[in-house]
Amino acid sequence: MREVSNANFGLLIAYILPGFVLLWGLEPYSPTLAVWLNPPQENAATIGGFLYGTIAAVGLGMLLSTIRWLIVDSILGRTGIRLPAVSFKALRESGEALDRLVDYYYRYYQCHANSLVASCLLIPLRWGSHGFRPFEVFLFLGIAVILWLGSRDTLRKYGAGLHDILGQ
């Protein structure tokens, strides 16, 4: 098995982690997910369950990323965070700098914003399966504010870095 490195850590936090959050929220609604995530003691966790859970988390992470693009990116754009138009021709000389910029800021933006979307979907799923719990409202709002601020800050820093790389 490959280790977590700079090359794959960003993908792990951008897609798998938020996808797993939503997978966890869906677990009470699916006996199959329940077995993957909480195997009975006599049936210890299996490689198949791990693999299916990981693939499901990646798929859900990609779906969350699309929802993020549709909603969060639009809202941030309307609130003043604009990314420059990227010409791949202009990046010919700056590929390594762009890779670092993506690793340092954009993957964290994806993690924060995708996790925000996952959290917004998770809370109604939890209430549907476990009943309404008032303390979860405050917990959710606190987490949502932190994720919103984190996504806004990292996207702003990514945009500033793009401006520097492109000389705009």
N, C-alpha and C. Protein backbone atom coordinates (compact mmCIF):
# COMPACT_ATOMS: atom_id res chain seq x y z
N MET A 1 0.85 -1.18 0.00
CA MET A 1 0.00 0.00 0.00
C MET A 1 0.89 1.24 0.00
N ARG A 2 0.52 2.22 -0.80
CA ARG A 2 1.30 3.46 -0.87
C ARG A 2 1.08 4.29 0.39
N GLU A 3 2.12 5.00 0.76
CA GLU A 3 2.03 5.90 1.89
C GLU A 3 1.31 7.18 1.48
N VAL A 4 0.83 7.90 2.47
CA VAL A 4 0.28 9.22 2.20
C VAL A 4 1.47 10.15 2.02
N SER A 5 1.49 10.86 0.91
CA SER A 5 2.58 11.80 0.61
C SER A 5 1.98 13.11 0.13
N ASN A 6 2.84 14.07 -0.17
CA ASN A 6 2.35 15.34 -0.72
C ASN A 6 1.56 15.12 -1.99
N ALA A 7 1.93 14.10 -2.75
CA ALA A 7 1.27 13.85 -4.04
C ALA A 7 -0.17 13.39 -3.87
N ASN A 8 -0.49 12.69 -2.78
CA ASN A 8 -1.85 12.19 -2.65
C ASN A 8 -2.59 12.73 -1.42
N PHE A 9 -1.91 13.43 -0.53
CA PHE A 9 -2.57 13.99 0.65
C PHE A 9 -3.67 14.98 0.25
N GLY A 10 -3.37 15.83 -0.72
CA GLY A 10 -4.36 16.82 -1.16
C GLY A 10 -5.62 16.17 -1.68
N LEU A 11 -5.48 15.09 -2.43
CA LEU A 11 -6.65 14.38 -2.94
C LEU A 11 -7.42 13.71 -1.81
N LEU A 12 -6.69 13.20 -0.82
CA LEU A 12 -7.32 12.57 0.34
C LEU A 12 -8.22 13.57 1.07
N ILE A 13 -7.69 14.77 1.34
CA ILE A 13 -8.49 15.74 2.09
C ILE A 13 -9.53 16.44 1.23
N ALA A 14 -9.30 16.52 -0.08
CA ALA A 14 -10.24 17.23 -0.95
C ALA A 14 -11.46 16.39 -1.30
N TYR A 15 -11.29 15.08 -1.40
CA TYR A 15 -12.38 14.23 -1.86
C TYR A 15 -12.77 13.13 -0.88
N ILE A 16 -11.81 12.36 -0.41
CA ILE A 16 -12.14 11.19 0.41
C ILE A 16 -12.69 11.59 1.77
N LEU A 17 -12.05 12.54 2.43
CA LEU A 17 -12.51 12.96 3.75
C LEU A 17 -13.94 13.53 3.71
N PRO A 18 -14.25 14.51 2.85
CA PRO A 18 -15.64 14.99 2.78
C PRO A 18 -16.60 13.90 2.33
N GLY A 19 -16.16 13.06 1.39
CA GLY A 19 -17.02 11.97 0.93
C GLY A 19 -17.34 11.00 2.05
N PHE A 20 -16.34 10.73 2.91
CA PHE A 20 -16.58 9.83 4.03
C PHE A 20 -17.56 10.44 5.03
N VAL A 21 -17.49 11.75 5.23
CA VAL A 21 -18.44 12.42 6.13
C VAL A 21 -19.87 12.18 5.66
N LEU A 22 -20.10 12.33 4.36
CA LEU A 22 -21.45 12.10 3.83
C LEU A 22 -21.80 10.61 3.87
N LEU A 23 -20.85 9.75 3.60
CA LEU A 23 -21.07 8.30 3.68
C LEU A 23 -21.51 7.92 5.09
N TRP A 24 -20.86 8.49 6.09
CA TRP A 24 -21.22 8.25 7.49
C TRP A 24 -22.65 8.71 7.77
N GLY A 25 -23.04 9.85 7.18
CA GLY A 25 -24.40 10.35 7.37
C GLY A 25 -25.44 9.46 6.71
N LEU A 26 -25.07 8.80 5.63
CA LEU A 26 -25.99 7.91 4.92
C LEU A 26 -26.07 6.52 5.53
N GLU A 27 -25.13 6.19 6.37
CA GLU A 27 -25.03 4.83 6.95
C GLU A 27 -26.32 4.33 7.60
N PRO A 28 -27.05 5.14 8.39
CA PRO A 28 -28.27 4.61 9.02
C PRO A 28 -29.36 4.23 8.01
N TYR A 29 -29.24 4.70 6.79
CA TYR A 29 -30.26 4.46 5.78
C TYR A 29 -29.95 3.26 4.89
N SER A 30 -28.77 2.65 5.07
CA SER A 30 -28.35 1.56 4.20
C SER A 30 -27.72 0.43 5.00
N PRO A 31 -28.34 -0.75 4.98
CA PRO A 31 -27.73 -1.89 5.68
C PRO A 31 -26.34 -2.23 5.13
N THR A 32 -26.13 -2.03 3.85
CA THR A 32 -24.83 -2.31 3.26
C THR A 32 -23.77 -1.37 3.82
N LEU A 33 -24.09 -0.07 3.88
CA LEU A 33 -23.14 0.88 4.47
C LEU A 33 -22.89 0.57 5.94
N ALA A 34 -23.92 0.13 6.63
CA ALA A 34 -23.76 -0.21 8.05
C ALA A 34 -22.74 -1.33 8.22
N VAL A 35 -22.77 -2.31 7.33
CA VAL A 35 -21.80 -3.41 7.41
C VAL A 35 -20.40 -2.91 7.07
N TRP A 36 -20.29 -2.04 6.06
CA TRP A 36 -18.97 -1.50 5.69
C TRP A 36 -18.36 -0.70 6.82
N LEU A 37 -19.19 0.14 7.46
CA LEU A 37 -18.66 1.08 8.45
C LEU A 37 -18.67 0.53 9.87
N ASN A 38 -19.60 -0.37 10.18
CA ASN A 38 -19.71 -0.95 11.53
C ASN A 38 -19.93 -2.45 11.43
N PRO A 39 -18.93 -3.19 11.01
CA PRO A 39 -19.15 -4.64 10.86
C PRO A 39 -19.43 -5.28 12.22
N PRO A 40 -20.35 -6.27 12.23
CA PRO A 40 -20.58 -7.00 13.49
C PRO A 40 -19.27 -7.64 13.96
N GLN A 41 -19.14 -7.84 15.25
CA GLN A 41 -17.89 -8.36 15.81
C GLN A 41 -17.49 -9.70 15.21
N GLU A 42 -18.46 -10.56 14.93
CA GLU A 42 -18.10 -11.86 14.35
C GLU A 42 -17.64 -11.72 12.90
N ASN A 43 -18.02 -10.65 12.25
CA ASN A 43 -17.56 -10.37 10.89
C ASN A 43 -16.65 -9.15 10.95
N ALA A 44 -15.43 -9.34 11.32
CA ALA A 44 -14.49 -8.22 11.41
C ALA A 44 -14.42 -7.50 10.07
N ALA A 45 -13.96 -6.27 10.12
CA ALA A 45 -13.85 -5.46 8.90
C ALA A 45 -13.09 -6.25 7.83
N THR A 46 -13.57 -6.14 6.61
CA THR A 46 -12.97 -6.87 5.50
C THR A 46 -12.28 -5.92 4.54
N ILE A 47 -11.39 -6.48 3.75
CA ILE A 47 -10.74 -5.67 2.72
C ILE A 47 -11.77 -5.18 1.72
N GLY A 48 -12.74 -6.04 1.40
CA GLY A 48 -13.81 -5.64 0.47
C GLY A 48 -14.60 -4.46 1.00
N GLY A 49 -14.97 -4.52 2.29
CA GLY A 49 -15.71 -3.41 2.88
C GLY A 49 -14.90 -2.12 2.87
N PHE A 50 -13.61 -2.24 3.17
CA PHE A 50 -12.73 -1.06 3.12
C PHE A 50 -12.66 -0.50 1.71
N LEU A 51 -12.48 -1.39 0.73
CA LEU A 51 -12.38 -0.95 -0.66
C LEU A 51 -13.68 -0.31 -1.13
N TYR A 52 -14.81 -0.95 -0.87
CA TYR A 52 -16.10 -0.38 -1.28
C TYR A 52 -16.35 0.96 -0.59
N GLY A 53 -16.03 1.02 0.71
CA GLY A 53 -16.21 2.27 1.44
C GLY A 53 -15.34 3.39 0.89
N THR A 54 -14.11 3.06 0.53
CA THR A 54 -13.20 4.06 -0.02
C THR A 54 -13.68 4.54 -1.39
N ILE A 55 -14.09 3.60 -2.23
CA ILE A 55 -14.60 3.97 -3.56
C ILE A 55 -15.87 4.80 -3.42
N ALA A 56 -16.75 4.42 -2.50
CA ALA A 56 -17.97 5.20 -2.28
C ALA A 56 -17.63 6.60 -1.78
N ALA A 57 -16.64 6.70 -0.88
CA ALA A 57 -16.24 8.02 -0.36
C ALA A 57 -15.67 8.89 -1.48
N VAL A 58 -14.88 8.30 -2.38
CA VAL A 58 -14.34 9.07 -3.51
C VAL A 58 -15.48 9.55 -4.41
N GLY A 59 -16.41 8.65 -4.72
CA GLY A 59 -17.54 9.04 -5.57
C GLY A 59 -18.37 10.15 -4.93
N LEU A 60 -18.67 10.01 -3.64
CA LEU A 60 -19.42 11.05 -2.95
C LEU A 60 -18.62 12.34 -2.87
N GLY A 61 -17.30 12.21 -2.69
CA GLY A 61 -16.44 13.40 -2.66
C GLY A 61 -16.48 14.15 -3.98
N MET A 62 -16.50 13.42 -5.07
CA MET A 62 -16.59 14.05 -6.39
C MET A 62 -17.95 14.73 -6.57
N LEU A 63 -19.00 14.07 -6.10
CA LEU A 63 -20.34 14.68 -6.16
C LEU A 63 -20.38 15.95 -5.30
N LEU A 64 -19.82 15.88 -4.10
CA LEU A 64 -19.76 17.06 -3.24
C LEU A 64 -18.98 18.19 -3.90
N SER A 65 -17.92 17.84 -4.60
CA SER A 65 -17.11 18.85 -5.28
C SER A 65 -17.91 19.54 -6.38
N THR A 66 -18.76 18.79 -7.05
CA THR A 66 -19.61 19.38 -8.09
C THR A 66 -20.64 20.31 -7.46
N ILE A 67 -21.23 19.88 -6.37
CA ILE A 67 -22.20 20.74 -5.66
C ILE A 67 -21.48 21.99 -5.15
N ARG A 68 -20.26 21.82 -4.64
CA ARG A 68 -19.46 22.97 -4.18
C ARG A 68 -19.23 23.94 -5.31
N TRP A 69 -18.84 23.44 -6.46
CA TRP A 69 -18.61 24.30 -7.63
C TRP A 69 -19.88 25.07 -7.97
N LEU A 70 -21.01 24.40 -7.90
CA LEU A 70 -22.28 25.01 -8.27
C LEU A 70 -22.71 26.09 -7.27
N ILE A 71 -22.51 25.85 -5.99
CA ILE A 71 -23.05 26.74 -4.97
C ILE A 71 -21.97 27.60 -4.31
N VAL A 72 -21.01 26.97 -3.65
CA VAL A 72 -20.03 27.72 -2.85
C VAL A 72 -19.16 28.60 -3.73
N ASP A 73 -18.64 28.05 -4.83
CA ASP A 73 -17.80 28.86 -5.72
C ASP A 73 -18.57 30.08 -6.23
N SER A 74 -19.84 29.88 -6.55
CA SER A 74 -20.66 31.00 -7.04
C SER A 74 -20.85 32.07 -5.98
N ILE A 75 -21.14 31.63 -4.75
CA ILE A 75 -21.33 32.60 -3.66
C ILE A 75 -20.03 33.35 -3.38
N LEU A 76 -18.92 32.63 -3.32
CA LEU A 76 -17.64 33.31 -3.06
C LEU A 76 -17.30 34.28 -4.19
N GLY A 77 -17.60 33.91 -5.41
CA GLY A 77 -17.37 34.82 -6.54
C GLY A 77 -18.20 36.09 -6.42
N ARG A 78 -19.43 35.94 -5.95
CA ARG A 78 -20.30 37.11 -5.81
C ARG A 78 -19.92 37.97 -4.60
N THR A 79 -19.16 37.39 -3.68
CA THR A 79 -18.75 38.17 -2.50
C THR A 79 -17.34 38.74 -2.66
N GLY A 80 -16.83 38.73 -3.88
CA GLY A 80 -15.58 39.43 -4.15
C GLY A 80 -14.35 38.59 -4.39
N ILE A 81 -14.42 37.29 -4.26
CA ILE A 81 -13.24 36.47 -4.51
C ILE A 81 -13.29 36.02 -5.96
N ARG A 82 -12.43 36.63 -6.75
CA ARG A 82 -12.38 36.34 -8.18
C ARG A 82 -11.04 35.73 -8.52
N LEU A 83 -11.08 34.65 -9.26
CA LEU A 83 -9.85 34.03 -9.72
C LEU A 83 -9.55 34.53 -11.12
N PRO A 84 -8.28 34.74 -11.43
CA PRO A 84 -7.95 35.22 -12.77
C PRO A 84 -8.20 34.12 -13.80
N ALA A 85 -8.46 34.54 -15.02
CA ALA A 85 -8.58 33.58 -16.12
C ALA A 85 -7.20 32.97 -16.34
N VAL A 86 -7.15 31.66 -16.35
CA VAL A 86 -5.86 30.98 -16.47
C VAL A 86 -5.64 30.55 -17.91
N SER A 87 -4.55 31.03 -18.45
CA SER A 87 -4.12 30.61 -19.78
C SER A 87 -3.04 29.56 -19.58
N PHE A 88 -3.29 28.36 -20.07
CA PHE A 88 -2.30 27.30 -19.89
C PHE A 88 -1.01 27.62 -20.65
N LYS A 89 -1.13 28.45 -21.65
CA LYS A 89 0.07 28.89 -22.36
C LYS A 89 0.95 29.71 -21.42
N ALA A 90 0.33 30.56 -20.61
CA ALA A 90 1.08 31.39 -19.67
C ALA A 90 1.69 30.57 -18.54
N LEU A 91 1.13 29.39 -18.29
CA LEU A 91 1.63 28.55 -17.22
C LEU A 91 2.76 27.62 -17.65
N ARG A 92 3.11 27.68 -18.91
CA ARG A 92 4.15 26.80 -19.43
C ARG A 92 5.42 26.88 -18.60
N GLU A 93 5.80 28.09 -18.21
CA GLU A 93 7.01 28.30 -17.43
C GLU A 93 6.78 28.17 -15.93
N SER A 94 5.53 28.08 -15.51
CA SER A 94 5.20 28.15 -14.09
C SER A 94 4.51 26.90 -13.56
N GLY A 95 4.69 25.78 -14.22
CA GLY A 95 3.99 24.56 -13.82
C GLY A 95 4.29 24.13 -12.40
N GLU A 96 5.57 24.19 -12.01
CA GLU A 96 5.94 23.77 -10.66
C GLU A 96 5.36 24.73 -9.62
N ALA A 97 5.37 26.01 -9.91
CA ALA A 97 4.80 27.00 -8.98
C ALA A 97 3.29 26.77 -8.83
N LEU A 98 2.63 26.46 -9.94
CA LEU A 98 1.19 26.20 -9.87
C LEU A 98 0.92 24.94 -9.05
N ASP A 99 1.72 23.90 -9.25
CA ASP A 99 1.54 22.67 -8.47
C ASP A 99 1.66 22.95 -6.98
N ARG A 100 2.63 23.74 -6.60
CA ARG A 100 2.81 24.09 -5.18
C ARG A 100 1.64 24.92 -4.66
N LEU A 101 1.19 25.85 -5.48
CA LEU A 101 0.06 26.68 -5.10
C LEU A 101 -1.18 25.82 -4.86
N VAL A 102 -1.42 24.87 -5.75
CA VAL A 102 -2.55 23.95 -5.59
C VAL A 102 -2.39 23.15 -4.30
N ASP A 103 -1.18 22.63 -4.05
CA ASP A 103 -0.94 21.85 -2.83
C ASP A 103 -1.11 22.68 -1.57
N TYR A 104 -0.63 23.93 -1.59
CA TYR A 104 -0.65 24.76 -0.40
C TYR A 104 -2.01 25.38 -0.10
N TYR A 105 -2.78 25.68 -1.15
CA TYR A 105 -4.03 26.40 -0.92
C TYR A 105 -5.27 25.75 -1.53
N TYR A 106 -5.22 25.37 -2.80
CA TYR A 106 -6.46 24.94 -3.46
C TYR A 106 -7.00 23.64 -2.89
N ARG A 107 -6.13 22.68 -2.58
CA ARG A 107 -6.62 21.42 -2.00
C ARG A 107 -7.27 21.67 -0.63
N TYR A 108 -6.72 22.61 0.13
CA TYR A 108 -7.34 22.94 1.42
C TYR A 108 -8.67 23.65 1.20
N TYR A 109 -8.73 24.49 0.17
CA TYR A 109 -10.01 25.11 -0.17
C TYR A 109 -11.04 24.03 -0.49
N GLN A 110 -10.63 23.07 -1.32
CA GLN A 110 -11.56 22.00 -1.67
C GLN A 110 -11.99 21.23 -0.42
N CYS A 111 -11.05 20.95 0.47
CA CYS A 111 -11.39 20.24 1.71
C CYS A 111 -12.40 21.03 2.53
N HIS A 112 -12.12 22.31 2.76
CA HIS A 112 -13.03 23.13 3.57
C HIS A 112 -14.40 23.27 2.92
N ALA A 113 -14.41 23.61 1.64
CA ALA A 113 -15.70 23.85 0.97
C ALA A 113 -16.47 22.56 0.74
N ASN A 114 -15.79 21.48 0.36
CA ASN A 114 -16.48 20.21 0.18
C ASN A 114 -17.01 19.68 1.51
N SER A 115 -16.25 19.88 2.59
CA SER A 115 -16.70 19.47 3.92
C SER A 115 -17.88 20.32 4.38
N LEU A 116 -17.90 21.59 3.99
CA LEU A 116 -19.05 22.44 4.30
C LEU A 116 -20.31 21.89 3.63
N VAL A 117 -20.21 21.54 2.37
CA VAL A 117 -21.36 20.96 1.66
C VAL A 117 -21.76 19.64 2.31
N ALA A 118 -20.77 18.79 2.63
CA ALA A 118 -21.06 17.51 3.28
C ALA A 118 -21.77 17.73 4.61
N SER A 119 -21.33 18.72 5.38
CA SER A 119 -21.95 19.02 6.67
C SER A 119 -23.39 19.49 6.50
N CYS A 120 -23.64 20.30 5.48
CA CYS A 120 -25.00 20.78 5.22
C CYS A 120 -25.93 19.63 4.85
N LEU A 121 -25.39 18.60 4.22
CA LEU A 121 -26.20 17.43 3.89
C LEU A 121 -26.27 16.46 5.06
N LEU A 122 -25.21 16.43 5.86
CA LEU A 122 -25.14 15.49 6.98
C LEU A 122 -26.15 15.80 8.07
N ILE A 123 -26.32 17.05 8.41
CA ILE A 123 -27.16 17.40 9.56
C ILE A 123 -28.62 16.95 9.36
N PRO A 124 -29.25 17.19 8.19
CA PRO A 124 -30.61 16.66 8.05
C PRO A 124 -30.66 15.13 8.05
N LEU A 125 -29.60 14.49 7.53
CA LEU A 125 -29.55 13.03 7.56
C LEU A 125 -29.48 12.53 9.00
N ARG A 126 -28.68 13.18 9.84
CA ARG A 126 -28.58 12.79 11.25
C ARG A 126 -29.91 13.02 11.97
N TRP A 127 -30.55 14.15 11.70
CA TRP A 127 -31.84 14.41 12.36
C TRP A 127 -32.88 13.40 11.92
N GLY A 128 -32.83 13.00 10.64
CA GLY A 128 -33.78 12.01 10.15
C GLY A 128 -33.58 10.65 10.79
N SER A 129 -32.34 10.30 11.12
CA SER A 129 -32.08 8.97 11.67
C SER A 129 -32.02 8.95 13.20
N HIS A 130 -31.60 10.04 13.82
CA HIS A 130 -31.42 10.07 15.27
C HIS A 130 -32.36 11.04 15.99
N GLY A 131 -33.19 11.73 15.24
CA GLY A 131 -34.07 12.73 15.83
C GLY A 131 -33.36 14.07 15.99
N PHE A 132 -34.15 15.10 16.16
CA PHE A 132 -33.62 16.45 16.28
C PHE A 132 -32.94 16.61 17.63
N ARG A 133 -31.73 17.14 17.60
CA ARG A 133 -30.97 17.41 18.83
C ARG A 133 -30.52 18.86 18.78
N PRO A 134 -31.08 19.70 19.64
CA PRO A 134 -30.76 21.13 19.59
C PRO A 134 -29.27 21.45 19.67
N PHE A 135 -28.51 20.71 20.49
CA PHE A 135 -27.09 21.01 20.61
C PHE A 135 -26.36 20.82 19.28
N GLU A 136 -26.89 19.95 18.40
CA GLU A 136 -26.27 19.74 17.10
C GLU A 136 -26.39 20.98 16.21
N VAL A 137 -27.42 21.78 16.43
CA VAL A 137 -27.58 23.02 15.66
C VAL A 137 -26.39 23.93 15.93
N PHE A 138 -26.05 24.11 17.20
CA PHE A 138 -24.92 24.98 17.56
C PHE A 138 -23.60 24.39 17.09
N LEU A 139 -23.47 23.08 17.22
CA LEU A 139 -22.26 22.41 16.75
C LEU A 139 -22.12 22.57 15.23
N PHE A 140 -23.21 22.33 14.52
CA PHE A 140 -23.20 22.46 13.07
C PHE A 140 -22.90 23.90 12.65
N LEU A 141 -23.55 24.88 13.27
CA LEU A 141 -23.31 26.27 12.92
C LEU A 141 -21.86 26.67 13.17
N GLY A 142 -21.30 26.22 14.28
CA GLY A 142 -19.90 26.52 14.57
C GLY A 142 -18.97 25.91 13.53
N ILE A 143 -19.20 24.65 13.21
CA ILE A 143 -18.38 23.98 12.20
C ILE A 143 -18.56 24.65 10.84
N ALA A 144 -19.80 24.99 10.50
CA ALA A 144 -20.08 25.62 9.20
C ALA A 144 -19.36 26.96 9.08
N VAL A 145 -19.37 27.76 10.13
CA VAL A 145 -18.68 29.05 10.11
C VAL A 145 -17.18 28.85 9.93
N ILE A 146 -16.61 27.91 10.66
CA ILE A 146 -15.17 27.64 10.54
C ILE A 146 -14.83 27.18 9.12
N LEU A 147 -15.62 26.27 8.58
CA LEU A 147 -15.35 25.77 7.22
C LEU A 147 -15.55 26.88 6.17
N TRP A 148 -16.55 27.72 6.37
CA TRP A 148 -16.78 28.84 5.45
C TRP A 148 -15.59 29.80 5.46
N LEU A 149 -15.15 30.18 6.66
CA LEU A 149 -14.02 31.10 6.77
C LEU A 149 -12.74 30.46 6.21
N GLY A 150 -12.54 29.19 6.49
CA GLY A 150 -11.37 28.49 5.95
C GLY A 150 -11.40 28.41 4.44
N SER A 151 -12.57 28.12 3.88
CA SER A 151 -12.66 28.03 2.41
C SER A 151 -12.45 29.40 1.78
N ARG A 152 -13.02 30.42 2.37
CA ARG A 152 -12.86 31.77 1.83
C ARG A 152 -11.40 32.22 1.87
N ASP A 153 -10.73 31.96 2.99
CA ASP A 153 -9.34 32.38 3.12
C ASP A 153 -8.42 31.62 2.16
N THR A 154 -8.58 30.31 2.07
CA THR A 154 -7.68 29.54 1.20
C THR A 154 -7.93 29.83 -0.27
N LEU A 155 -9.18 30.08 -0.66
CA LEU A 155 -9.44 30.43 -2.06
C LEU A 155 -8.87 31.81 -2.38
N ARG A 156 -8.98 32.74 -1.42
CA ARG A 156 -8.40 34.07 -1.62
C ARG A 156 -6.89 33.98 -1.80
N LYS A 157 -6.23 33.18 -0.97
CA LYS A 157 -4.78 33.02 -1.08
C LYS A 157 -4.40 32.31 -2.38
N TYR A 158 -5.20 31.36 -2.79
CA TYR A 158 -4.95 30.69 -4.06
C TYR A 158 -5.06 31.69 -5.22
N GLY A 159 -6.10 32.52 -5.18
CA GLY A 159 -6.27 33.54 -6.22
C GLY A 159 -5.14 34.54 -6.24
N ALA A 160 -4.66 34.96 -5.07
CA ALA A 160 -3.54 35.90 -5.01
C ALA A 160 -2.29 35.24 -5.59
N GLY A 161 -2.07 33.97 -5.30
CA GLY A 161 -0.93 33.26 -5.85
C GLY A 161 -1.02 33.13 -7.36
N LEU A 162 -2.23 32.88 -7.86
CA LEU A 162 -2.43 32.82 -9.32
C LEU A 162 -2.08 34.16 -9.96
N HIS A 163 -2.53 35.25 -9.35
CA HIS A 163 -2.19 36.58 -9.85
C HIS A 163 -0.69 36.76 -9.91
N ASP A 164 0.01 36.34 -8.87
CA ASP A 164 1.48 36.46 -8.85
C ASP A 164 2.13 35.62 -9.95
N ILE A 165 1.67 34.39 -10.09
CA ILE A 165 2.26 33.51 -11.11
C ILE A 165 2.01 34.04 -12.53
N LEU A 166 0.80 34.51 -12.74
CA LEU A 166 0.43 34.98 -14.09
C LEU A 166 0.88 36.41 -14.35
N GLY A 167 1.31 37.11 -13.31
CA GLY A 167 1.73 38.51 -13.49
C GLY A 167 0.57 39.44 -13.79
N GLN A 168 -0.58 39.13 -13.26
CA GLN A 168 -1.77 39.97 -13.54
C GLN A 168 -2.07 40.88 -12.37
